[in-house]
Amino acid sequence: MTFSHLVAMLIAVSFLTSCYLPISGKVIDADTQQPIEGAVVLVEWNEQHGFGLTYHTVYKTAETETNKEGKFSLPGAYSLFVDQPYLVIYKSGYVAWRNDDIFPDYEKRSNGDRWRHNSVYKLEKFKDEYSLFKHSMFMDTGIMDMNFYRIPKFANATRNESIKASSEGKNPKKAPVKFDFNGRILDAATGEPIEGTIVLALYDISPYSDPSVVLEGVSNRDGVIKITGEYPWPYRLPQILIYKKGYLPDSSRYGDLSYFKWKNGYIFKLYKCNECEKNIPPYGNYSDLNDWANAAAKAGRPLLMDTIRQDIK
């Protein structure tokens, strides 16, 4: 075998292992084993871009509904850089099924990376002790495609679930939701803890957001960060920003935190940079850092804004 043939074979193997062929499956009731008709099945693939400080974009999204026999079919995805898909199955009255986490505790699904033909998916009936409010959040956590024209069935399902959650007695309007999070900040190259890193959690950084829903914290000498506070209802998982002079800023809007999910004990890794001043507002690709800083300052938490001002002196 020649070298060129070997390279071609390796490329072909790499391509095949990075692709997902079309699949068909079946959705049934976990108790009765009977097929479930009209269940919405959504799949989303995201694609990684860049090296080191990477970011992700939506590569492909598809949806369908199960027929009378509970069966469905989904197309595949073909890309060297496509990530494992998010697969969500929903039917009103049942707990949504996801291929990564299990409701209500977000326990990791052991076979979460499966994308197999003729798989059987079992939906459990929604129990009275479950929170509609938390279930509404669970349904679309991790889904990046916000163009609901492309996924009208899933968009309608999430909308209906949100409406049901809005009337839930356990989470009446204006009742605050407690937020308690801890994690660690490490140097991506050395694995050493980074002290003095600012971590900002924002409910929303749009021009119409309420700046009072901003929480912040600073990592200690062991790199440990703790953020505690309350968010007003209706609660959605906040976005996150990490900033430390000498390192590339990272956030859940761009970069390696695109897939970040709020889970205690999470380890954040920051990359050093040689010309970080170009990434401090108003320079470089992090001009949106100003939005975060301004929102925090308006909320009476100006730590990020004051730090940036000191860093660019």
Protein backbone atom coordinates (compact mmCIF):
# COMPACT_ATOMS: atom_id res chain seq x y z
CA MET A 1 0.00 0.00 0.00
CA THR A 2 1.40 3.36 -1.01
CA PHE A 3 1.53 6.39 1.27
CA SER A 4 -1.11 8.20 -0.78
CA HIS A 5 -3.44 5.21 -0.51
CA LEU A 6 -2.92 5.12 3.28
CA VAL A 7 -3.70 8.82 3.59
CA ALA A 8 -6.84 8.42 1.48
CA MET A 9 -7.98 5.51 3.62
CA LEU A 10 -7.42 7.45 6.86
CA ILE A 11 -9.35 10.41 5.49
CA ALA A 12 -12.21 8.12 4.47
CA VAL A 13 -12.31 6.47 7.91
CA SER A 14 -12.22 9.88 9.62
CA PHE A 15 -15.06 11.12 7.42
CA LEU A 16 -17.23 8.09 8.11
CA THR A 17 -16.66 8.23 11.89
CA SER A 18 -17.58 11.93 11.91
CA CYS A 19 -20.83 11.43 10.00
CA TYR A 20 -24.26 10.36 11.13
CA LEU A 21 -26.38 8.26 8.79
CA PRO A 22 -30.17 8.63 8.68
CA ILE A 23 -32.02 6.65 11.34
CA SER A 24 -35.50 5.39 12.14
CA GLY A 25 -36.83 4.68 15.59
CA LYS A 26 -39.88 4.04 17.71
CA VAL A 27 -41.33 5.87 20.73
CA ILE A 28 -43.36 3.93 23.30
CA ASP A 29 -44.97 4.41 26.70
CA ALA A 30 -42.53 3.19 29.37
CA ASP A 31 -45.34 1.60 31.42
CA THR A 32 -47.70 0.14 28.83
CA GLN A 33 -45.12 -0.45 26.08
CA GLN A 34 -47.70 0.93 23.65
CA PRO A 35 -46.62 3.20 20.77
CA ILE A 36 -47.00 6.96 21.24
CA GLU A 37 -48.43 8.85 18.30
CA GLY A 38 -47.71 12.54 17.71
CA ALA A 39 -44.50 12.77 19.73
CA VAL A 40 -42.21 15.54 18.46
CA VAL A 41 -38.68 14.37 17.66
CA LEU A 42 -35.97 17.01 17.24
CA VAL A 43 -32.32 16.57 16.31
CA GLU A 44 -29.66 19.29 16.17
CA TRP A 45 -26.04 19.05 15.08
CA ASN A 46 -23.56 21.79 15.92
CA GLU A 47 -20.23 22.38 14.22
CA GLN A 48 -16.98 23.49 15.86
CA HIS A 49 -14.90 26.27 14.33
CA GLY A 50 -11.38 27.46 15.07
CA PHE A 51 -8.56 26.02 17.15
CA GLY A 52 -7.80 26.77 20.81
CA LEU A 53 -10.47 29.38 21.42
CA THR A 54 -13.25 27.64 19.49
CA TYR A 55 -16.88 28.46 18.91
CA HIS A 56 -19.86 26.52 17.64
CA THR A 57 -22.64 27.18 15.16
CA VAL A 58 -25.74 25.26 14.17
CA TYR A 59 -24.87 22.87 11.35
CA LYS A 60 -28.26 21.22 10.82
CA THR A 61 -31.63 20.92 12.57
CA ALA A 62 -34.48 18.56 11.70
CA GLU A 63 -37.77 17.55 13.30
CA THR A 64 -40.63 15.14 12.75
CA GLU A 65 -43.55 13.46 14.54
CA THR A 66 -44.22 9.84 15.33
CA ASN A 67 -46.98 8.03 13.41
CA LYS A 68 -49.71 5.74 14.77
CA GLU A 69 -47.13 3.02 15.33
CA GLY A 70 -44.88 5.41 17.23
CA LYS A 71 -42.31 5.31 14.44
CA PHE A 72 -40.26 8.17 13.02
CA SER A 73 -37.36 8.80 10.65
CA LEU A 74 -34.64 11.47 10.79
CA PRO A 75 -31.98 12.52 8.28
CA GLY A 76 -28.26 12.26 9.00
CA ALA A 77 -25.44 14.81 8.99
CA TYR A 78 -22.20 14.75 7.03
CA SER A 79 -19.28 16.86 8.22
CA LEU A 80 -15.78 16.25 9.58
CA PHE A 81 -16.38 18.81 12.31
CA VAL A 82 -19.94 18.08 13.35
CA ASP A 83 -20.53 17.32 17.04
CA GLN A 84 -22.64 14.54 18.47
CA PRO A 85 -26.30 15.47 18.00
CA TYR A 86 -28.80 16.66 20.56
CA LEU A 87 -31.85 14.43 20.31
CA VAL A 88 -35.05 15.50 22.09
CA ILE A 89 -38.39 13.64 22.13
CA TYR A 90 -41.49 15.30 23.58
CA LYS A 91 -45.15 14.45 24.03
CA SER A 92 -47.52 16.38 26.27
CA GLY A 93 -48.15 14.47 29.49
CA TYR A 94 -44.75 12.74 29.35
CA VAL A 95 -41.24 13.58 30.52
CA ALA A 96 -39.13 14.81 27.62
CA TRP A 97 -36.42 12.34 26.57
CA ARG A 98 -32.95 13.67 25.76
CA ASN A 99 -29.90 11.70 24.67
CA ASP A 100 -27.55 13.55 27.03
CA ASP A 101 -29.33 14.12 30.37
CA ILE A 102 -32.20 12.63 32.38
CA PHE A 103 -34.93 14.70 34.04
CA PRO A 104 -35.23 15.93 36.79
CA ASP A 105 -31.65 15.77 38.14
CA TYR A 106 -29.75 16.11 34.84
CA GLU A 107 -28.09 12.77 35.47
CA LYS A 108 -25.96 11.83 32.48
CA ARG A 109 -27.48 9.23 30.23
CA SER A 110 -25.07 6.29 29.94
CA ASN A 111 -25.84 5.80 26.27
CA GLY A 112 -26.14 9.50 25.58
CA ASP A 113 -24.05 9.44 22.41
CA ARG A 114 -26.13 6.79 20.66
CA TRP A 115 -27.40 7.42 17.18
CA ARG A 116 -28.64 4.01 16.17
CA HIS A 117 -31.08 2.76 13.61
CA ASN A 118 -34.27 1.10 14.95
CA SER A 119 -33.77 2.22 18.55
CA VAL A 120 -36.76 2.18 20.91
CA TYR A 121 -37.25 5.25 23.08
CA LYS A 122 -39.37 4.96 26.23
CA LEU A 123 -41.21 7.99 27.57
CA GLU A 124 -42.25 8.13 31.23
CA LYS A 125 -45.49 9.78 32.24
CA PHE A 126 -45.12 13.16 33.93
CA LYS A 127 -45.56 12.82 37.71
CA ASP A 128 -47.42 15.24 39.97
CA GLU A 129 -44.31 15.85 42.06
CA TYR A 130 -42.35 17.05 39.05
CA SER A 131 -42.01 20.76 38.38
CA LEU A 132 -43.48 21.98 35.09
CA PHE A 133 -41.24 24.98 35.49
CA LYS A 134 -38.04 22.88 35.59
CA HIS A 135 -39.30 20.59 32.86
CA SER A 136 -39.85 23.58 30.58
CA MET A 137 -36.20 24.56 31.04
CA PHE A 138 -35.04 20.97 30.55
CA MET A 139 -36.67 20.66 27.14
CA ASP A 140 -34.57 23.18 25.24
CA THR A 141 -31.36 23.43 27.28
CA GLY A 142 -28.47 23.05 24.85
CA ILE A 143 -30.53 23.75 21.72
CA MET A 144 -28.86 26.57 19.79
CA ASP A 145 -31.20 26.90 16.82
CA MET A 146 -33.54 29.75 17.72
CA ASN A 147 -35.05 30.01 14.23
CA PHE A 148 -38.44 28.55 15.11
CA TYR A 149 -39.54 28.74 11.49
CA ARG A 150 -37.24 25.78 10.89
CA ILE A 151 -38.57 23.81 13.85
CA PRO A 152 -42.24 24.84 14.26
CA LYS A 153 -43.35 21.58 15.90
CA PHE A 154 -40.70 21.79 18.63
CA ALA A 155 -41.25 25.55 19.03
CA ASN A 156 -44.96 24.97 19.59
CA ALA A 157 -44.20 22.20 22.10
CA THR A 158 -41.85 24.40 24.14
CA ARG A 159 -44.36 27.26 24.01
CA ASN A 160 -47.16 25.05 25.34
CA GLU A 161 -44.91 23.71 28.09
CA SER A 162 -43.99 27.26 29.12
CA ILE A 163 -47.66 28.22 29.27
CA LYS A 164 -48.39 25.30 31.57
CA ALA A 165 -45.39 26.18 33.73
CA SER A 166 -46.54 29.80 34.06
CA SER A 167 -49.60 28.68 36.03
CA GLU A 168 -47.74 26.29 38.28
CA GLY A 169 -48.49 26.98 41.92
CA LYS A 170 -45.01 25.99 43.09
CA ASN A 171 -43.47 28.86 41.13
CA PRO A 172 -45.92 31.77 41.21
CA LYS A 173 -44.96 34.95 39.41
CA LYS A 174 -42.60 37.25 41.28
CA ALA A 175 -41.42 34.38 43.49
CA PRO A 176 -37.59 34.48 43.38
CA VAL A 177 -35.60 31.43 42.39
CA LYS A 178 -32.44 30.73 44.37
CA PHE A 179 -29.20 30.35 42.47
CA ASP A 180 -26.19 28.65 44.07
CA PHE A 181 -23.21 27.64 41.92
CA ASN A 182 -19.58 26.69 42.43
CA GLY A 183 -16.78 25.73 40.04
CA ARG A 184 -13.02 26.10 39.42
CA ILE A 185 -10.93 28.24 37.06
CA LEU A 186 -7.76 26.60 35.70
CA ASP A 187 -4.99 27.52 33.27
CA ALA A 188 -5.70 25.46 30.14
CA ALA A 189 -1.99 24.74 29.55
CA THR A 190 -0.67 24.11 33.08
CA GLY A 191 -3.79 23.02 34.93
CA GLU A 192 -2.90 25.46 37.72
CA PRO A 193 -5.70 27.38 39.49
CA ILE A 194 -6.19 31.02 38.47
CA GLU A 195 -6.86 33.46 41.28
CA GLY A 196 -8.79 36.70 40.76
CA THR A 197 -10.86 35.58 37.76
CA ILE A 198 -14.16 37.43 37.44
CA VAL A 199 -17.17 35.26 36.67
CA LEU A 200 -20.35 37.06 35.71
CA ALA A 201 -23.80 35.47 35.40
CA LEU A 202 -26.41 37.53 33.54
CA TYR A 203 -30.07 36.72 33.09
CA ASP A 204 -30.06 38.58 29.79
CA ILE A 205 -27.74 41.16 28.21
CA SER A 206 -30.13 42.47 25.60
CA PRO A 207 -30.97 46.20 25.63
CA TYR A 208 -34.35 45.31 27.12
CA SER A 209 -33.03 43.18 29.97
CA ASP A 210 -33.47 43.99 33.62
CA PRO A 211 -29.94 44.75 34.88
CA SER A 212 -30.92 43.75 38.42
CA VAL A 213 -30.48 40.07 37.50
CA VAL A 214 -26.70 40.12 37.45
CA LEU A 215 -24.56 37.98 39.75
CA GLU A 216 -20.79 38.01 39.98
CA GLY A 217 -17.92 36.41 41.85
CA VAL A 218 -14.12 36.22 41.96
CA SER A 219 -12.06 33.02 42.14
CA ASN A 220 -9.91 32.46 45.22
CA ARG A 221 -6.29 31.24 45.38
CA ASP A 222 -7.48 27.69 44.64
CA GLY A 223 -9.35 28.89 41.56
CA VAL A 224 -12.69 28.19 43.24
CA ILE A 225 -15.59 30.43 42.25
CA LYS A 226 -18.92 30.67 44.08
CA ILE A 227 -21.95 32.57 42.84
CA THR A 228 -25.01 32.84 45.04
CA GLY A 229 -28.14 34.91 44.63
CA GLU A 230 -31.71 34.99 43.36
CA TYR A 231 -33.32 35.39 39.97
CA PRO A 232 -36.90 36.56 39.41
CA TRP A 233 -39.43 34.20 37.90
CA PRO A 234 -39.72 33.10 35.11
CA TYR A 235 -36.20 31.78 35.53
CA ARG A 236 -34.02 30.79 32.60
CA LEU A 237 -30.44 29.59 32.87
CA PRO A 238 -28.24 32.72 32.84
CA GLN A 239 -25.41 33.36 30.43
CA ILE A 240 -21.88 33.37 31.76
CA LEU A 241 -18.71 35.40 31.17
CA ILE A 242 -15.18 34.71 32.48
CA TYR A 243 -12.55 37.44 32.50
CA LYS A 244 -8.95 37.59 33.73
CA LYS A 245 -6.21 39.90 32.50
CA GLY A 246 -3.60 37.97 30.50
CA TYR A 247 -6.14 35.39 29.35
CA LEU A 248 -8.65 35.27 26.54
CA PRO A 249 -12.11 36.12 27.87
CA ASP A 250 -14.67 33.39 27.39
CA SER A 251 -18.46 33.37 27.46
CA SER A 252 -21.43 31.14 26.80
CA ARG A 253 -22.22 33.25 23.73
CA TYR A 254 -18.89 32.50 22.04
CA GLY A 255 -15.89 30.24 22.50
CA ASP A 256 -15.41 27.06 24.50
CA LEU A 257 -18.39 27.75 26.77
CA SER A 258 -20.96 27.49 23.98
CA TYR A 259 -22.08 24.15 25.43
CA PHE A 260 -21.66 25.08 29.08
CA LYS A 261 -24.42 23.91 31.40
CA TRP A 262 -24.78 25.07 35.00
CA LYS A 263 -23.50 22.17 37.07
CA ASN A 264 -21.67 22.43 40.38
CA GLY A 265 -18.02 21.43 40.26
CA TYR A 266 -17.62 22.54 36.65
CA ILE A 267 -13.99 23.23 35.63
CA PHE A 268 -13.41 26.27 33.42
CA LYS A 269 -10.16 26.47 31.44
CA LEU A 270 -8.72 29.76 30.21
CA TYR A 271 -6.06 30.22 27.53
CA LYS A 272 -3.22 32.71 27.90
CA CYS A 273 -2.63 35.25 25.14
CA ASN A 274 0.33 37.44 24.19
CA GLU A 275 -1.61 40.48 23.02
CA CYS A 276 -4.64 40.48 25.25
CA GLU A 277 -4.97 44.25 25.11
CA LYS A 278 -6.40 43.75 21.62
CA ASN A 279 -9.22 41.73 23.13
CA ILE A 280 -10.21 44.36 25.68
CA PRO A 281 -13.00 46.71 24.63
CA PRO A 282 -13.23 48.51 22.34
CA TYR A 283 -10.68 46.38 20.49
CA GLY A 284 -10.66 42.92 18.92
CA ASN A 285 -13.47 40.41 18.75
CA TYR A 286 -14.69 40.96 22.29
CA SER A 287 -16.42 44.30 21.87
CA ASP A 288 -19.52 42.66 23.35
CA LEU A 289 -17.60 42.54 26.63
CA ASN A 290 -18.73 46.15 27.01
CA ASP A 291 -22.35 44.94 27.06
CA TRP A 292 -21.62 42.62 29.95
CA ALA A 293 -19.69 45.29 31.85
CA ASN A 294 -22.35 47.94 31.33
CA ALA A 295 -25.16 45.62 32.42
CA ALA A 296 -23.24 44.70 35.56
CA ALA A 297 -22.47 48.35 36.35
CA LYS A 298 -26.14 49.32 36.00
CA ALA A 299 -27.04 46.51 38.39
CA GLY A 300 -24.74 47.94 41.02
CA ARG A 301 -22.10 45.27 40.45
CA PRO A 302 -19.35 47.25 38.68
CA LEU A 303 -16.50 44.84 39.41
CA LEU A 304 -16.02 43.83 35.76
CA MET A 305 -16.25 47.41 34.48
CA ASP A 306 -13.79 48.71 37.08
CA THR A 307 -11.36 45.86 36.39
CA ILE A 308 -11.36 46.48 32.64
CA ARG A 309 -10.73 50.17 33.20
CA GLN A 310 -7.73 49.33 35.36
CA ASP A 311 -6.41 46.80 32.84
CA ILE A 312 -6.40 49.17 29.87
CA LYS A 313 -4.63 52.00 31.68
